[in-house]
Amino acid sequence: MRCHYCDREASFAPELNGVEVGLCDQHFREQFEYLAENDALAYLRHKFDIDRPD
């Protein structure tokens, strides 16, 4: 599978409801950082009741 954003080989391929999106290492990191900056990760932690170990 190829990266959704560029033509590199995808290292990650998250899937949701049958839709799979390929991401290379660089674009995976960029998307992860984007989610962290926009409080999306906090929302997901709360939604799925995920606690971090101390």
N, C-alpha and C. Protein backbone atom coordinates (compact mmCIF):
# COMPACT_ATOMS: atom_id res chain seq x y z
N MET A 1 0.84 -1.17 0.00
CA MET A 1 0.00 0.00 0.00
C MET A 1 0.89 1.24 0.00
N ARG A 2 0.43 2.27 -0.68
CA ARG A 2 1.16 3.53 -0.77
C ARG A 2 0.58 4.53 0.22
N CYS A 3 1.39 5.53 0.59
CA CYS A 3 0.96 6.59 1.49
C CYS A 3 -0.14 7.41 0.81
N HIS A 4 -1.13 7.80 1.59
CA HIS A 4 -2.25 8.60 1.09
C HIS A 4 -1.79 10.00 0.65
N TYR A 5 -0.69 10.50 1.24
CA TYR A 5 -0.23 11.87 0.97
C TYR A 5 0.92 11.95 -0.04
N CYS A 6 1.70 10.88 -0.16
CA CYS A 6 2.83 10.89 -1.09
C CYS A 6 2.92 9.51 -1.73
N ASP A 7 3.96 9.25 -2.45
CA ASP A 7 4.07 7.98 -3.17
C ASP A 7 4.95 6.96 -2.46
N ARG A 8 5.34 7.25 -1.22
CA ARG A 8 6.18 6.31 -0.47
C ARG A 8 5.37 5.11 0.00
N GLU A 9 6.10 4.06 0.33
CA GLU A 9 5.47 2.86 0.89
C GLU A 9 4.85 3.20 2.24
N ALA A 10 3.64 2.74 2.47
CA ALA A 10 2.95 3.00 3.74
C ALA A 10 3.49 2.09 4.83
N SER A 11 3.80 2.68 5.98
CA SER A 11 4.24 1.91 7.15
C SER A 11 3.07 1.59 8.06
N PHE A 12 2.02 2.39 7.97
CA PHE A 12 0.83 2.24 8.79
C PHE A 12 -0.38 2.27 7.89
N ALA A 13 -1.38 1.49 8.24
CA ALA A 13 -2.61 1.47 7.44
C ALA A 13 -3.81 1.36 8.38
N PRO A 14 -4.15 2.46 9.06
CA PRO A 14 -5.32 2.42 9.94
C PRO A 14 -6.59 2.20 9.13
N GLU A 15 -7.54 1.51 9.75
CA GLU A 15 -8.80 1.19 9.08
C GLU A 15 -9.97 1.56 9.99
N LEU A 16 -10.99 2.13 9.40
CA LEU A 16 -12.21 2.46 10.14
C LEU A 16 -13.40 2.23 9.21
N ASN A 17 -14.30 1.41 9.65
CA ASN A 17 -15.51 1.10 8.87
C ASN A 17 -15.19 0.63 7.46
N GLY A 18 -14.14 -0.18 7.32
CA GLY A 18 -13.78 -0.74 6.03
C GLY A 18 -12.95 0.16 5.14
N VAL A 19 -12.66 1.38 5.58
CA VAL A 19 -11.83 2.31 4.80
C VAL A 19 -10.42 2.28 5.39
N GLU A 20 -9.45 1.96 4.55
CA GLU A 20 -8.06 1.86 4.98
C GLU A 20 -7.25 2.98 4.33
N VAL A 21 -6.44 3.67 5.14
CA VAL A 21 -5.62 4.78 4.65
C VAL A 21 -4.17 4.48 4.96
N GLY A 22 -3.32 4.48 3.94
CA GLY A 22 -1.90 4.22 4.13
C GLY A 22 -1.16 5.49 4.50
N LEU A 23 -0.22 5.37 5.45
CA LEU A 23 0.61 6.50 5.87
C LEU A 23 2.06 6.06 5.97
N CYS A 24 2.96 6.85 5.40
CA CYS A 24 4.39 6.60 5.58
C CYS A 24 4.77 7.11 6.97
N ASP A 25 6.00 6.83 7.41
CA ASP A 25 6.44 7.26 8.75
C ASP A 25 6.30 8.76 8.94
N GLN A 26 6.73 9.54 7.97
CA GLN A 26 6.70 11.00 8.08
C GLN A 26 5.26 11.51 8.21
N HIS A 27 4.38 11.06 7.37
CA HIS A 27 3.01 11.55 7.42
C HIS A 27 2.24 11.00 8.63
N PHE A 28 2.61 9.82 9.11
CA PHE A 28 2.02 9.33 10.34
C PHE A 28 2.37 10.27 11.49
N ARG A 29 3.66 10.64 11.60
CA ARG A 29 4.10 11.56 12.66
C ARG A 29 3.39 12.91 12.55
N GLU A 30 3.28 13.44 11.32
CA GLU A 30 2.62 14.72 11.12
C GLU A 30 1.16 14.66 11.56
N GLN A 31 0.47 13.59 11.21
CA GLN A 31 -0.94 13.46 11.59
C GLN A 31 -1.09 13.28 13.10
N PHE A 32 -0.17 12.54 13.72
CA PHE A 32 -0.20 12.35 15.17
C PHE A 32 0.01 13.68 15.87
N GLU A 33 0.97 14.48 15.40
CA GLU A 33 1.21 15.80 15.98
C GLU A 33 0.00 16.71 15.80
N TYR A 34 -0.62 16.66 14.65
CA TYR A 34 -1.82 17.46 14.40
C TYR A 34 -2.92 17.11 15.40
N LEU A 35 -3.13 15.81 15.61
CA LEU A 35 -4.15 15.38 16.57
C LEU A 35 -3.83 15.87 17.98
N ALA A 36 -2.56 15.80 18.37
CA ALA A 36 -2.15 16.23 19.70
C ALA A 36 -2.36 17.73 19.88
N GLU A 37 -2.07 18.51 18.85
CA GLU A 37 -2.22 19.96 18.93
C GLU A 37 -3.68 20.39 18.99
N ASN A 38 -4.58 19.59 18.47
CA ASN A 38 -5.99 19.96 18.40
C ASN A 38 -6.85 19.24 19.44
N ASP A 39 -6.25 18.75 20.48
CA ASP A 39 -6.95 18.09 21.58
C ASP A 39 -7.75 16.86 21.16
N ALA A 40 -7.52 16.36 19.97
CA ALA A 40 -8.24 15.17 19.52
C ALA A 40 -7.85 13.94 20.33
N LEU A 41 -6.58 13.84 20.72
CA LEU A 41 -6.15 12.68 21.51
C LEU A 41 -6.79 12.70 22.89
N ALA A 42 -6.91 13.87 23.50
CA ALA A 42 -7.57 13.98 24.80
C ALA A 42 -9.03 13.56 24.68
N TYR A 43 -9.66 13.97 23.61
CA TYR A 43 -11.06 13.58 23.38
C TYR A 43 -11.18 12.06 23.26
N LEU A 44 -10.28 11.45 22.49
CA LEU A 44 -10.33 10.00 22.31
C LEU A 44 -10.06 9.26 23.62
N ARG A 45 -9.10 9.77 24.41
CA ARG A 45 -8.83 9.14 25.71
C ARG A 45 -10.08 9.18 26.58
N HIS A 46 -10.73 10.32 26.59
CA HIS A 46 -11.94 10.46 27.40
C HIS A 46 -13.06 9.57 26.86
N LYS A 47 -13.25 9.57 25.56
CA LYS A 47 -14.33 8.79 24.94
C LYS A 47 -14.18 7.30 25.22
N PHE A 48 -12.94 6.81 25.16
CA PHE A 48 -12.70 5.39 25.35
C PHE A 48 -12.22 5.06 26.77
N ASP A 49 -12.27 6.08 27.65
CA ASP A 49 -11.93 5.89 29.06
C ASP A 49 -10.56 5.24 29.23
N ILE A 50 -9.56 5.81 28.56
CA ILE A 50 -8.21 5.29 28.63
C ILE A 50 -7.43 6.07 29.68
N ASP A 51 -6.87 5.36 30.64
CA ASP A 51 -6.06 5.99 31.68
C ASP A 51 -4.60 5.67 31.42
N ARG A 52 -3.77 6.67 31.61
CA ARG A 52 -2.33 6.46 31.48
C ARG A 52 -1.79 5.94 32.80
N PRO A 53 -0.85 4.98 32.74
CA PRO A 53 -0.24 4.51 34.00
C PRO A 53 0.64 5.61 34.57
N ASP A 54 0.68 5.70 35.89
CA ASP A 54 1.52 6.73 36.56
C ASP A 54 2.96 6.37 36.54
